[in-house]
Amino acid sequence: MNHRLFSGLVLVALLSSASACSSAMGEQRKATNAQNKADTEIAATDVERAEKNRVSQDEANVKIADAQATFTKMRNDYRHETSLGLADLDLDIASLEAKQKTLKGQGKLDLEASLTNIRAARARYTTAHASLEGTTATTWDQAKKELDAQWDVLKDLVDKS
């Protein structure tokens, strides 16, 4: 009977062990399934995030292109406007040069000195005006301010002559 009892106990132990292994394998399977599900969700989130980033970058690129186009148009319009103003001022300078040729004495000398100053101011202005082509949105305000100041000086010299 001892042998039967011993065999029964061994059988119970084996069944318990098998049950425990089965339970451990089931837990491992659950953990693996949970990890696979988490990996799938992370991958889906990464794809979604990448798509959102791409869309956001595309939108930003459109806004940047629009801003650059607006700036370029503004700069070109200003250059055109100031070129027309310079052309009108050149007519005034030509009139002063013609007048200088008809004057005599101190009036002629004074106008000649004024014209020398005007030509120098005009040369500075045209150099600054030509450099506008290379200005960026970052440097625009300062470049425009400097050109406007040079215009004021040049215009004032012509008006006072």
Protein backbone atom coordinates (compact mmCIF):
# COMPACT_ATOMS: atom_id res chain seq x y z
CA MET A 1 0.00 0.00 0.00
CA ASN A 2 2.87 2.26 0.58
CA HIS A 3 3.79 1.83 -2.96
CA ARG A 4 0.29 2.86 -4.04
CA LEU A 5 0.32 5.82 -1.75
CA PHE A 6 3.70 6.85 -3.02
CA SER A 7 2.56 6.49 -6.65
CA GLY A 8 -0.53 8.53 -5.91
CA LEU A 9 1.50 11.27 -4.33
CA VAL A 10 3.89 11.31 -7.26
CA LEU A 11 0.93 11.52 -9.62
CA VAL A 12 -0.56 14.42 -7.65
CA ALA A 13 2.82 16.16 -7.66
CA LEU A 14 3.24 15.68 -11.41
CA LEU A 15 -0.24 16.96 -12.09
CA SER A 16 0.36 19.97 -9.86
CA SER A 17 3.65 20.62 -11.59
CA ALA A 18 2.06 20.30 -15.02
CA SER A 19 -0.72 22.59 -13.93
CA ALA A 20 1.82 25.12 -12.67
CA CYS A 21 3.78 24.89 -15.94
CA SER A 22 0.59 25.27 -17.89
CA SER A 23 -0.29 28.29 -15.76
CA ALA A 24 3.21 29.80 -16.18
CA MET A 25 3.08 29.25 -19.94
CA GLY A 26 -0.34 30.88 -20.03
CA GLU A 27 0.98 33.88 -18.11
CA GLN A 28 3.98 34.13 -20.45
CA ARG A 29 1.65 33.95 -23.44
CA LYS A 30 -0.50 36.73 -21.94
CA ALA A 31 2.61 38.86 -21.31
CA THR A 32 3.86 38.25 -24.88
CA ASN A 33 0.45 39.11 -26.31
CA ALA A 34 0.29 42.26 -24.19
CA GLN A 35 3.80 43.27 -25.38
CA ASN A 36 2.86 42.60 -29.02
CA LYS A 37 -0.29 44.68 -28.63
CA ALA A 38 1.71 47.53 -27.03
CA ASP A 39 4.31 47.35 -29.83
CA THR A 40 1.54 47.53 -32.44
CA GLU A 41 -0.08 50.53 -30.72
CA ILE A 42 3.31 52.28 -30.42
CA ALA A 43 4.01 51.67 -34.11
CA ALA A 44 0.58 53.05 -35.04
CA THR A 45 1.19 56.09 -32.83
CA ASP A 46 4.62 56.62 -34.44
CA VAL A 47 3.06 56.48 -37.92
CA GLU A 48 0.34 58.91 -36.87
CA ARG A 49 2.89 61.26 -35.31
CA ALA A 50 5.09 61.12 -38.41
CA GLU A 51 2.09 61.96 -40.61
CA LYS A 52 1.13 64.88 -38.35
CA ASN A 53 4.73 66.13 -38.46
CA ARG A 54 4.78 65.87 -42.26
CA VAL A 55 1.49 67.76 -42.57
CA SER A 56 2.70 70.43 -40.14
CA GLN A 57 5.97 70.82 -42.05
CA ASP A 58 4.08 71.09 -45.34
CA GLU A 59 1.86 73.81 -43.86
CA ALA A 60 4.91 75.64 -42.50
CA ASN A 61 6.62 75.43 -45.90
CA VAL A 62 3.58 76.98 -47.57
CA LYS A 63 3.52 79.82 -45.02
CA ILE A 64 7.25 80.41 -45.45
CA ALA A 65 6.90 80.50 -49.24
CA ASP A 66 3.97 82.94 -48.97
CA ALA A 67 5.91 85.20 -46.61
CA GLN A 68 8.95 85.14 -48.91
CA ALA A 69 6.81 85.96 -51.93
CA THR A 70 5.15 88.83 -50.06
CA PHE A 71 8.53 90.19 -48.96
CA THR A 72 9.98 89.92 -52.47
CA LYS A 73 7.00 91.78 -53.94
CA MET A 74 7.23 94.50 -51.29
CA ARG A 75 10.98 94.92 -51.89
CA ASN A 76 10.54 95.03 -55.67
CA ASP A 77 7.68 97.53 -55.40
CA TYR A 78 9.81 99.77 -53.17
CA ARG A 79 12.80 99.52 -55.52
CA HIS A 80 10.56 100.42 -58.47
CA GLU A 81 9.01 103.36 -56.61
CA THR A 82 12.39 104.71 -55.53
CA SER A 83 13.80 104.24 -59.05
CA LEU A 84 10.99 106.41 -60.40
CA GLY A 85 11.71 109.02 -57.73
CA LEU A 86 15.39 109.00 -58.66
CA ALA A 87 14.53 109.43 -62.34
CA ASP A 88 12.47 112.52 -61.46
CA LEU A 89 15.28 113.84 -59.29
CA ASP A 90 17.75 113.28 -62.14
CA LEU A 91 15.64 115.65 -64.25
CA ASP A 92 15.96 118.27 -61.52
CA ILE A 93 19.73 117.70 -61.37
CA ALA A 94 19.94 118.05 -65.16
CA SER A 95 18.06 121.36 -64.89
CA LEU A 96 20.53 122.55 -62.24
CA GLU A 97 23.46 121.53 -64.46
CA ALA A 98 21.96 123.45 -67.38
CA LYS A 99 21.37 126.47 -65.12
CA GLN A 100 24.96 126.29 -63.83
CA LYS A 101 26.25 126.65 -67.40
CA THR A 102 24.38 129.93 -67.82
CA LEU A 103 25.49 131.51 -64.55
CA LYS A 104 28.57 133.62 -63.98
CA GLY A 105 30.61 134.62 -61.00
CA GLN A 106 29.83 133.56 -57.45
CA GLY A 107 26.42 132.09 -58.38
CA LYS A 108 28.11 129.73 -60.82
CA LEU A 109 30.73 128.72 -58.20
CA ASP A 110 28.09 128.15 -55.54
CA LEU A 111 25.94 126.01 -57.82
CA GLU A 112 29.01 124.07 -58.96
CA ALA A 113 29.85 123.27 -55.33
CA SER A 114 26.24 122.23 -54.71
CA LEU A 115 26.28 119.98 -57.77
CA THR A 116 29.47 118.29 -56.54
CA ASN A 117 27.74 117.50 -53.24
CA ILE A 118 24.61 116.36 -55.07
CA ARG A 119 26.59 114.00 -57.33
CA ALA A 120 28.37 112.49 -54.32
CA ALA A 121 25.08 112.03 -52.45
CA ARG A 122 23.49 110.53 -55.56
CA ALA A 123 26.37 108.06 -55.95
CA ARG A 124 25.96 106.95 -52.31
CA TYR A 125 22.23 106.63 -52.81
CA THR A 126 22.50 104.54 -55.99
CA THR A 127 25.01 102.22 -54.32
CA ALA A 128 22.67 101.70 -51.38
CA HIS A 129 19.72 101.35 -53.76
CA ALA A 130 21.48 98.63 -55.75
CA SER A 131 22.27 96.73 -52.55
CA LEU A 132 18.55 96.39 -51.79
CA GLU A 133 18.46 93.38 -54.12
CA GLY A 134 20.45 91.39 -51.58
CA THR A 135 18.49 92.38 -48.51
CA THR A 136 16.58 89.76 -46.60
CA ALA A 137 13.48 90.15 -44.47
CA THR A 138 15.81 90.28 -41.47
CA THR A 139 17.89 93.18 -42.81
CA TRP A 140 15.13 94.95 -44.72
CA ASP A 141 13.97 97.45 -42.09
CA GLN A 142 17.48 98.77 -41.46
CA ALA A 143 18.40 98.89 -45.16
CA LYS A 144 15.18 100.73 -46.03
CA LYS A 145 15.66 103.18 -43.16
CA GLU A 146 19.21 103.97 -44.34
CA LEU A 147 18.12 104.39 -47.96
CA ASP A 148 15.25 106.67 -46.94
CA ALA A 149 17.68 108.80 -44.92
CA GLN A 150 20.02 109.05 -47.91
CA TRP A 151 17.07 110.01 -50.10
CA ASP A 152 16.14 112.80 -47.70
CA VAL A 153 19.69 114.17 -47.81
CA LEU A 154 19.87 113.98 -51.61
CA LYS A 155 16.42 115.52 -52.09
CA ASP A 156 17.26 118.30 -49.63
CA LEU A 157 20.51 119.11 -51.49
CA VAL A 158 18.66 119.35 -54.81
CA ASP A 159 15.82 121.41 -53.34
CA LYS A 160 18.19 123.89 -51.74
CA SER A 161 20.22 124.42 -54.92
